[in-house]
């Protein structure tokens, strides 16, 4: 859905959809209580709070997301099920009456805040191969910790046109160029890499493709069509960069270096079809078969040797909640400045961004940004650089992050903002 349509729809329908509206019209003699889920420093577990709200939506409860009010708090009608759920999850709730609810609404009306109705829990899917790779996925860890259910899909489901079953799709460290993230440079002979190659090759042949790069390009194109048709896409780490490289590479053999060890066509960069990509354009491809980098999209060049850039911190942009509620939802957090973290793709260089991209967070003065968002057809995509917000130097084989030690993680909050964002969309408007 286009951002301008979202603004028009939410503005026109807020009164009718708001859980506050029906009770505020009742007799003043009757006390009506509400559950405020605070998301500022009063919250005992920020990450599990998203799960409490999500499960309320699953039960048919109409909630509200109070953008920029106490760091993006949630408002639920009084419900014993939500109270029990929050108590079991260790999530802080505040019970408020109609008078306090009316006062909050007045504050929201007067400031850079807005109340966005949340109607229906989105159906969530995570793109993941069937084999157990030797790394984790920050999004699945966040979903598991918050108690948000999801399904796993891979190439057979994507190419079988089954993505229409889900509203929201996540991609992480997958390499859609078919080069297996160039792991052969550092992990040649590793059993998990041999298994990865075997499974991907078998899938490509099963689906009728001559090789893995061709099959992964088709998968990327199908995912782009999912977005065009109204889907919500969220990607992190290498999936952000390689998805766009695959989309732009029709007729360009960008995986030749992996196939036979020879340098890539030096003219490959100018042959790319950037109009097909979601977020990037005019990137320069890495042509050396001995450098574990895809292109100059990633500003940090984490695996490039002496070109690798040190980590700093990134700052979330402050958007107008009433004018741009979509971007505002995606940056809700109790911290504006967040320590950076590496991934195979850590950041996005400014000169490769399309003019239509919305930058959600960047590092001040740096030639790269961290967090971007955009539209494609009737849907949206959001790219977040890096691998794990609470493990800045995460390596293959490292133990997964224990989120019980990071219940207030602002970086993981950005992930979960993306999970709840589709709940604000009216189902009947989806194509």
Foldseek 3Di string as FASTA:
>chain_A
DDQVVLLVVQVVCVLVLPPLNVVLPDDPVDKFKKKKQAFAPVWPFNLLSLLLVLVCQVVFWKKKFKFPDNLTIIMTGDDVVSVVSCVVLVTDIDMDISVVVVVVVVVQVPDLIDIFIFGHFWAEEEEDDPDDFLDDFQLVVSCVSNVHDYYYDYLVCLVVVNCVVGQEYEAEADALQQLRLLCCLPQPPPPRSVVVLVVQQVVCVVVPHPGNRVSSLVSLLSVLVCQQQAHEYEYEFNCLVNSQQSQFQVVANLNVCSVPVAFGDQCRLVSTRNVRGDWWHSWHADRHSNFSAGTCQACQSCRGPPSGDDWDKKFFDDDRCSSRVLLSLLQRANDGIATAAAHSRGWGFPVTTDPQKDQGMQDPPDRTGAKIKHGHNNGIYIYGYHGHSVHRHDDRNDDDDDCVVVSRRSVSVSSSSSSSSCSSDDPVVGD
